[in-house]
Each structure stands twice: as C-alpha cells, then as structure tokens.
Amino acid sequence: MSLDETSQARKLLIVDDSKVSRMRIRAFFASHCPTWHIEEAGSGDEAIASSASFQPDFVTMDVNMPGISGFEAAELLMERHPKVHVVMLTANIQESSRRQAASLRLNFVAKPATEASLQQALTYLLTPQ
C-alpha cells in the first residue's frame, strides 16, 4: 500500500453494533488515512440508510448485529453502490460465515480490532476488485 492510496480523500463507513469496536476502527483509519471521511453505523439497517447520502467508497462490516445481518447489508450495499468495496470485520469466524463471505466475494478479517487485523482490512480495501 502506498502513501498515495491512503492520502486520497475517500469515504469509509464503519458498520458495527459495538461502539468500542467502531471507536478502535475509526482511530486506526483516522491515523493511517487522515484525509478519509469516516461515518459510523450501529446496524446493517443504519448502514443502508446512511449510504444513500454518504456514498462510501469502503465499508468495514460486522456480521452479527441487530436487524439485518452484515451479510444482508453488504449484499444490499453492493447492489446499490456497485463500486463500494466491503470487508467483513467480525468475531463470527465460523466456517459457515467464511463460506458466505467467499460466496459474496468479500474479504474476511477476524476480530478483535487490533493493529494487525485492521492493517489487513485496509490492505484488502485498497486491493483492486
């Protein structure tokens, strides 16, 4: 990943029902990608609603949240915004979740939201689809 890729003004939507996880993810991206605009959503439903006006380039998506699942939200976001790049960032590391992520052609990063896992998520987000 080059400095150019992280210095361009992009939009990131962080979707996670855990405020602590959202705070950690936001702090990492604010530090590594200071020109990016960041918004948060606490559920898949909120993500769908806010994406209409925010139009994110990138999304980090949890799987287990109230309302629709992260997989359902990711699928809807990708249908409505074909250029959005979504990474599943979740503690739900069951094989069935990994298979579902693969079937949607989504990268899968296991929580907790550590420096290493968030670096992996950033690398996936910046990798051309």
C-alpha atoms as a PDB file:
ATOM      1  CA  MET A   1       0.000   0.000   0.000  1.00  0.00           C
ATOM      2  CA  SER A   2       1.437   3.345  -0.994  1.00  0.00           C
ATOM      3  CA  LEU A   3       1.088   6.695   0.704  1.00  0.00           C
ATOM      4  CA  ASP A   4      -0.839   7.863  -2.369  1.00  0.00           C
ATOM      5  CA  GLU A   5      -3.561   5.288  -1.752  1.00  0.00           C
ATOM      6  CA  THR A   6      -4.141   6.368   1.840  1.00  0.00           C
ATOM      7  CA  SER A   7      -3.804  10.111   1.215  1.00  0.00           C
ATOM      8  CA  GLN A   8      -6.618  10.370  -1.342  1.00  0.00           C
ATOM      9  CA  ALA A   9      -9.900  11.689   0.032  1.00  0.00           C
ATOM     10  CA  ARG A  10     -12.112   8.634   0.261  1.00  0.00           C
ATOM     11  CA  LYS A  11     -15.180   7.719   2.298  1.00  0.00           C
ATOM     12  CA  LEU A  12     -15.271   4.883   4.820  1.00  0.00           C
ATOM     13  CA  LEU A  13     -18.406   3.574   6.524  1.00  0.00           C
ATOM     14  CA  ILE A  14     -17.754   1.573   9.707  1.00  0.00           C
ATOM     15  CA  VAL A  15     -20.651  -0.777  10.494  1.00  0.00           C
ATOM     16  CA  ASP A  16     -20.575  -2.482  13.879  1.00  0.00           C
ATOM     17  CA  ASP A  17     -23.021  -2.699  16.768  1.00  0.00           C
ATOM     18  CA  SER A  18     -20.150  -2.360  19.269  1.00  0.00           C
ATOM     19  CA  LYS A  19     -19.314   1.266  19.999  1.00  0.00           C
ATOM     20  CA  VAL A  20     -15.885   0.187  21.298  1.00  0.00           C
ATOM     21  CA  SER A  21     -15.115  -1.625  18.025  1.00  0.00           C
ATOM     22  CA  ARG A  22     -16.266   1.376  15.998  1.00  0.00           C
ATOM     23  CA  MET A  23     -14.020   3.638  18.078  1.00  0.00           C
ATOM     24  CA  ARG A  24     -10.985   1.375  17.551  1.00  0.00           C
ATOM     25  CA  ILE A  25     -11.630   1.054  13.827  1.00  0.00           C
ATOM     26  CA  ARG A  26     -12.155   4.817  13.484  1.00  0.00           C
ATOM     27  CA  ALA A  27      -8.946   5.605  15.400  1.00  0.00           C
ATOM     28  CA  PHE A  28      -6.924   3.253  13.179  1.00  0.00           C
ATOM     29  CA  PHE A  29      -8.264   4.648   9.907  1.00  0.00           C
ATOM     30  CA  ALA A  30      -8.077   8.276  11.101  1.00  0.00           C
ATOM     31  CA  SER A  31      -4.404   7.682  11.909  1.00  0.00           C
ATOM     32  CA  HIS A  32      -3.490   5.751   8.747  1.00  0.00           C
ATOM     33  CA  CYS A  33      -5.775   7.554   6.284  1.00  0.00           C
ATOM     34  CA  PRO A  34      -6.118  11.107   7.653  1.00  0.00           C
ATOM     35  CA  THR A  35      -7.814  12.535   4.550  1.00  0.00           C
ATOM     36  CA  TRP A  36     -10.609   9.965   4.543  1.00  0.00           C
ATOM     37  CA  HIS A  37     -14.124  10.941   5.615  1.00  0.00           C
ATOM     38  CA  ILE A  38     -15.454   8.426   8.131  1.00  0.00           C
ATOM     39  CA  GLU A  39     -19.013   7.716   9.194  1.00  0.00           C
ATOM     40  CA  GLU A  40     -20.352   5.022  11.510  1.00  0.00           C
ATOM     41  CA  ALA A  41     -23.451   2.876  11.647  1.00  0.00           C
ATOM     42  CA  GLY A  42     -24.518   0.651  14.534  1.00  0.00           C
ATOM     43  CA  SER A  43     -26.523  -1.774  12.400  1.00  0.00           C
ATOM     44  CA  GLY A  44     -26.955  -3.010   8.863  1.00  0.00           C
ATOM     45  CA  ASP A  45     -30.196  -1.051   8.591  1.00  0.00           C
ATOM     46  CA  GLU A  46     -28.393   2.171   9.584  1.00  0.00           C
ATOM     47  CA  ALA A  47     -25.647   1.395   7.059  1.00  0.00           C
ATOM     48  CA  ILE A  48     -28.164   1.075   4.223  1.00  0.00           C
ATOM     49  CA  ALA A  49     -29.893   4.308   5.226  1.00  0.00           C
ATOM     50  CA  SER A  50     -26.703   6.369   5.603  1.00  0.00           C
ATOM     51  CA  SER A  51     -25.060   5.020   2.447  1.00  0.00           C
ATOM     52  CA  ALA A  52     -27.713   6.661   0.277  1.00  0.00           C
ATOM     53  CA  SER A  53     -26.372  10.129   1.090  1.00  0.00           C
ATOM     54  CA  PHE A  54     -22.817   9.288   2.249  1.00  0.00           C
ATOM     55  CA  GLN A  55     -21.968   7.070  -0.773  1.00  0.00           C
ATOM     56  CA  PRO A  56     -18.969   5.276   0.793  1.00  0.00           C
ATOM     57  CA  ASP A  57     -16.011   4.001  -1.193  1.00  0.00           C
ATOM     58  CA  PHE A  58     -15.186   1.481   1.517  1.00  0.00           C
ATOM     59  CA  VAL A  59     -17.104  -0.353   4.243  1.00  0.00           C
ATOM     60  CA  THR A  60     -15.982  -2.429   7.209  1.00  0.00           C
ATOM     61  CA  MET A  61     -18.937  -4.646   8.140  1.00  0.00           C
ATOM     62  CA  ASP A  62     -19.605  -6.754  11.219  1.00  0.00           C
ATOM     63  CA  VAL A  63     -21.712  -9.903  10.757  1.00  0.00           C
ATOM     64  CA  ASN A  64     -23.878 -10.222  13.872  1.00  0.00           C
ATOM     65  CA  MET A  65     -25.891  -7.076  14.542  1.00  0.00           C
ATOM     66  CA  PRO A  66     -29.474  -6.187  15.405  1.00  0.00           C
ATOM     67  CA  GLY A  67     -31.816  -6.106  12.414  1.00  0.00           C
ATOM     68  CA  ILE A  68     -30.427  -7.392   9.149  1.00  0.00           C
ATOM     69  CA  SER A  69     -27.149  -9.296   9.218  1.00  0.00           C
ATOM     70  CA  GLY A  70     -23.899  -7.859   7.974  1.00  0.00           C
ATOM     71  CA  PHE A  71     -24.059 -10.219   5.004  1.00  0.00           C
ATOM     72  CA  GLU A  72     -27.513  -8.955   4.021  1.00  0.00           C
ATOM     73  CA  ALA A  73     -26.386  -5.349   4.463  1.00  0.00           C
ATOM     74  CA  ALA A  74     -23.201  -5.938   2.436  1.00  0.00           C
ATOM     75  CA  GLU A  75     -25.169  -7.515  -0.382  1.00  0.00           C
ATOM     76  CA  LEU A  76     -27.642  -4.611  -0.477  1.00  0.00           C
ATOM     77  CA  LEU A  77     -24.830  -2.036  -0.370  1.00  0.00           C
ATOM     78  CA  MET A  78     -23.012  -3.726  -3.246  1.00  0.00           C
ATOM     79  CA  GLU A  79     -26.212  -3.859  -5.312  1.00  0.00           C
ATOM     80  CA  ARG A  80     -26.954  -0.179  -4.717  1.00  0.00           C
ATOM     81  CA  HIS A  81     -23.343   1.039  -4.936  1.00  0.00           C
ATOM     82  CA  PRO A  82     -21.508  -1.308  -7.329  1.00  0.00           C
ATOM     83  CA  LYS A  83     -18.140   0.392  -6.790  1.00  0.00           C
ATOM     84  CA  VAL A  84     -18.164   0.070  -2.991  1.00  0.00           C
ATOM     85  CA  HIS A  85     -15.511  -2.205  -1.521  1.00  0.00           C
ATOM     86  CA  VAL A  86     -16.686  -4.122   1.579  1.00  0.00           C
ATOM     87  CA  VAL A  87     -14.581  -6.085   4.066  1.00  0.00           C
ATOM     88  CA  MET A  88     -16.216  -8.278   6.691  1.00  0.00           C
ATOM     89  CA  LEU A  89     -14.545  -7.479  10.038  1.00  0.00           C
ATOM     90  CA  THR A  90     -16.095  -9.789  12.583  1.00  0.00           C
ATOM     91  CA  ALA A  91     -15.666 -12.041  15.580  1.00  0.00           C
ATOM     92  CA  ASN A  92     -18.017 -14.526  13.890  1.00  0.00           C
ATOM     93  CA  ILE A  93     -15.280 -16.754  12.466  1.00  0.00           C
ATOM     94  CA  GLN A  94     -17.365 -19.875  11.924  1.00  0.00           C
ATOM     95  CA  GLU A  95     -16.719 -21.752   8.703  1.00  0.00           C
ATOM     96  CA  SER A  96     -20.267 -21.022   7.520  1.00  0.00           C
ATOM     97  CA  SER A  97     -19.572 -17.273   7.815  1.00  0.00           C
ATOM     98  CA  ARG A  98     -16.310 -17.643   5.914  1.00  0.00           C
ATOM     99  CA  ARG A  99     -18.122 -19.536   3.151  1.00  0.00           C
ATOM    100  CA  GLN A 100     -20.857 -16.920   2.961  1.00  0.00           C
ATOM    101  CA  ALA A 101     -18.249 -14.139   2.724  1.00  0.00           C
ATOM    102  CA  ALA A 102     -16.479 -16.047  -0.047  1.00  0.00           C
ATOM    103  CA  SER A 103     -19.752 -16.584  -1.928  1.00  0.00           C
ATOM    104  CA  LEU A 104     -20.273 -12.804  -1.924  1.00  0.00           C
ATOM    105  CA  ARG A 105     -16.618 -12.298  -2.937  1.00  0.00           C
ATOM    106  CA  LEU A 106     -15.889 -10.458   0.296  1.00  0.00           C
ATOM    107  CA  ASN A 107     -12.627 -10.500   2.201  1.00  0.00           C
ATOM    108  CA  PHE A 108     -12.957 -11.748   5.749  1.00  0.00           C
ATOM    109  CA  VAL A 109     -10.922 -10.384   8.683  1.00  0.00           C
ATOM    110  CA  ALA A 110     -11.248 -11.811  12.184  1.00  0.00           C
ATOM    111  CA  LYS A 111     -11.680  -9.537  15.188  1.00  0.00           C
ATOM    112  CA  PRO A 112     -10.643  -8.324  17.670  1.00  0.00           C
ATOM    113  CA  ALA A 113      -9.911  -4.978  16.020  1.00  0.00           C
ATOM    114  CA  THR A 114      -6.153  -4.993  16.566  1.00  0.00           C
ATOM    115  CA  GLU A 115      -3.490  -3.083  14.663  1.00  0.00           C
ATOM    116  CA  ALA A 116      -2.721  -6.254  12.662  1.00  0.00           C
ATOM    117  CA  SER A 117      -6.339  -7.102  11.787  1.00  0.00           C
ATOM    118  CA  LEU A 118      -7.122  -3.513  10.839  1.00  0.00           C
ATOM    119  CA  GLN A 119      -3.981  -3.322   8.703  1.00  0.00           C
ATOM    120  CA  GLN A 120      -5.179  -6.470   6.940  1.00  0.00           C
ATOM    121  CA  ALA A 121      -8.616  -4.874   6.410  1.00  0.00           C
ATOM    122  CA  LEU A 122      -7.010  -1.718   4.999  1.00  0.00           C
ATOM    123  CA  THR A 123      -4.874  -3.786   2.623  1.00  0.00           C
ATOM    124  CA  TYR A 124      -7.976  -5.638   1.397  1.00  0.00           C
ATOM    125  CA  LEU A 125      -9.897  -2.384   0.961  1.00  0.00           C
ATOM    126  CA  LEU A 126      -7.130  -0.905  -1.174  1.00  0.00           C
ATOM    127  CA  THR A 127      -6.700  -4.020  -3.312  1.00  0.00           C
ATOM    128  CA  PRO A 128      -8.483  -3.565  -6.665  1.00  0.00           C
ATOM    129  CA  GLN A 129     -11.513  -5.800  -7.011  1.00  0.00           C
END
